[in-house]
């Protein structure tokens, strides 16, 4: 089965959503503490296998939900 290779924009969005760095997602970072939650890692691996349009929809929805939670925290 061929592996999916996300675009840099998708990787940047994933890093932002997961509150980590692109370097960590690419395996270039030594800091293993940045993303330790196994359920988040499983989800990230699942998303990485999706077609590009589906990934972008998921990231768009995640961004909206994260922004909503952050706005609620302010009020």
C-alpha atoms as a PDB file:
ATOM      1  CA  UNK A   1       0.000   0.000   0.000  1.00  0.00           C
ATOM      2  CA  UNK A   2       1.485   3.385  -0.977  1.00  0.00           C
ATOM      3  CA  UNK A   3       2.058   5.861   1.836  1.00  0.00           C
ATOM      4  CA  UNK A   4       0.501   9.279   1.725  1.00  0.00           C
ATOM      5  CA  UNK A   5       2.830  12.277   1.813  1.00  0.00           C
ATOM      6  CA  UNK A   6       1.093  15.383   3.157  1.00  0.00           C
ATOM      7  CA  UNK A   7       1.979  18.800   1.823  1.00  0.00           C
ATOM      8  CA  UNK A   8       3.983  21.173   3.998  1.00  0.00           C
ATOM      9  CA  UNK A   9       0.823  23.218   4.584  1.00  0.00           C
ATOM     10  CA  UNK A  10      -0.924  20.149   6.017  1.00  0.00           C
ATOM     11  CA  UNK A  11       2.071  19.376   8.229  1.00  0.00           C
ATOM     12  CA  UNK A  12       2.160  22.982   9.468  1.00  0.00           C
ATOM     13  CA  UNK A  13      -1.550  22.902  10.274  1.00  0.00           C
ATOM     14  CA  UNK A  14      -1.207  19.553  12.061  1.00  0.00           C
ATOM     15  CA  UNK A  15       1.680  20.888  14.117  1.00  0.00           C
ATOM     16  CA  UNK A  16      -0.399  23.924  15.060  1.00  0.00           C
ATOM     17  CA  UNK A  17      -3.477  21.857  15.918  1.00  0.00           C
ATOM     18  CA  UNK A  18      -1.435  19.366  17.944  1.00  0.00           C
ATOM     19  CA  UNK A  19       0.525  22.157  19.636  1.00  0.00           C
ATOM     20  CA  UNK A  20       3.885  20.776  18.563  1.00  0.00           C
ATOM     21  CA  UNK A  21       6.513  21.569  15.943  1.00  0.00           C
ATOM     22  CA  UNK A  22       6.888  20.547  12.327  1.00  0.00           C
ATOM     23  CA  UNK A  23      10.330  19.233  13.235  1.00  0.00           C
ATOM     24  CA  UNK A  24       8.824  16.904  15.801  1.00  0.00           C
ATOM     25  CA  UNK A  25       6.205  15.621  13.361  1.00  0.00           C
ATOM     26  CA  UNK A  26       8.944  14.956  10.812  1.00  0.00           C
ATOM     27  CA  UNK A  27      11.075  13.133  13.357  1.00  0.00           C
ATOM     28  CA  UNK A  28      13.760  15.804  13.317  1.00  0.00           C
ATOM     29  CA  UNK A  29      13.326  16.901  16.934  1.00  0.00           C
ATOM     30  CA  UNK A  30      15.004  15.265  19.907  1.00  0.00           C
ATOM     31  CA  UNK A  31      12.275  16.404  22.292  1.00  0.00           C
ATOM     32  CA  UNK A  32       9.923  13.459  22.693  1.00  0.00           C
ATOM     33  CA  UNK A  33       7.824  15.277  25.268  1.00  0.00           C
ATOM     34  CA  UNK A  34       6.122  17.482  22.686  1.00  0.00           C
ATOM     35  CA  UNK A  35       3.456  14.981  21.652  1.00  0.00           C
ATOM     36  CA  UNK A  36       3.004  12.074  24.035  1.00  0.00           C
ATOM     37  CA  UNK A  37      -0.725  11.361  23.896  1.00  0.00           C
ATOM     38  CA  UNK A  38      -1.107   7.986  22.098  1.00  0.00           C
ATOM     39  CA  UNK A  39      -4.682   8.710  21.043  1.00  0.00           C
ATOM     40  CA  UNK A  40      -3.567  11.939  19.359  1.00  0.00           C
ATOM     41  CA  UNK A  41      -0.759  10.102  17.595  1.00  0.00           C
ATOM     42  CA  UNK A  42      -3.187   7.450  16.328  1.00  0.00           C
ATOM     43  CA  UNK A  43      -5.481  10.137  15.020  1.00  0.00           C
ATOM     44  CA  UNK A  44      -2.610  11.938  13.338  1.00  0.00           C
ATOM     45  CA  UNK A  45      -1.505   8.722  11.655  1.00  0.00           C
ATOM     46  CA  UNK A  46      -5.047   8.085  10.447  1.00  0.00           C
ATOM     47  CA  UNK A  47      -5.408  11.605   9.080  1.00  0.00           C
ATOM     48  CA  UNK A  48      -2.061  11.345   7.272  1.00  0.00           C
ATOM     49  CA  UNK A  49      -3.473   8.457   5.214  1.00  0.00           C
ATOM     50  CA  UNK A  50      -6.528  10.389   4.026  1.00  0.00           C
ATOM     51  CA  UNK A  51      -6.801  12.059   0.602  1.00  0.00           C
ATOM     52  CA  UNK A  52      -5.656  15.686   0.588  1.00  0.00           C
ATOM     53  CA  UNK A  53      -9.153  17.242   0.343  1.00  0.00           C
ATOM     54  CA  UNK A  54     -10.308  15.214   3.351  1.00  0.00           C
ATOM     55  CA  UNK A  55      -7.255  16.282   5.358  1.00  0.00           C
ATOM     56  CA  UNK A  56      -7.922  19.925   4.609  1.00  0.00           C
ATOM     57  CA  UNK A  57     -11.574  19.587   5.690  1.00  0.00           C
ATOM     58  CA  UNK A  58     -10.535  17.940   8.943  1.00  0.00           C
ATOM     59  CA  UNK A  59      -7.943  20.622   9.658  1.00  0.00           C
ATOM     60  CA  UNK A  60     -10.435  23.369   8.862  1.00  0.00           C
ATOM     61  CA  UNK A  61     -12.947  21.857  11.293  1.00  0.00           C
ATOM     62  CA  UNK A  62     -10.272  21.366  13.970  1.00  0.00           C
ATOM     63  CA  UNK A  63      -9.098  24.950  13.608  1.00  0.00           C
ATOM     64  CA  UNK A  64     -12.670  26.194  14.013  1.00  0.00           C
ATOM     65  CA  UNK A  65     -13.231  24.072  17.114  1.00  0.00           C
ATOM     66  CA  UNK A  66      -9.915  25.084  18.682  1.00  0.00           C
ATOM     67  CA  UNK A  67     -10.602  28.761  18.047  1.00  0.00           C
ATOM     68  CA  UNK A  68     -14.068  28.361  19.565  1.00  0.00           C
ATOM     69  CA  UNK A  69     -12.643  26.800  22.734  1.00  0.00           C
ATOM     70  CA  UNK A  70      -9.984  29.518  22.992  1.00  0.00           C
ATOM     71  CA  UNK A  71     -12.610  32.243  22.600  1.00  0.00           C
ATOM     72  CA  UNK A  72     -14.764  30.670  25.305  1.00  0.00           C
ATOM     73  CA  UNK A  73     -11.763  30.624  27.634  1.00  0.00           C
ATOM     74  CA  UNK A  74     -11.323  34.370  27.169  1.00  0.00           C
ATOM     75  CA  UNK A  75     -14.905  35.193  28.197  1.00  0.00           C
END
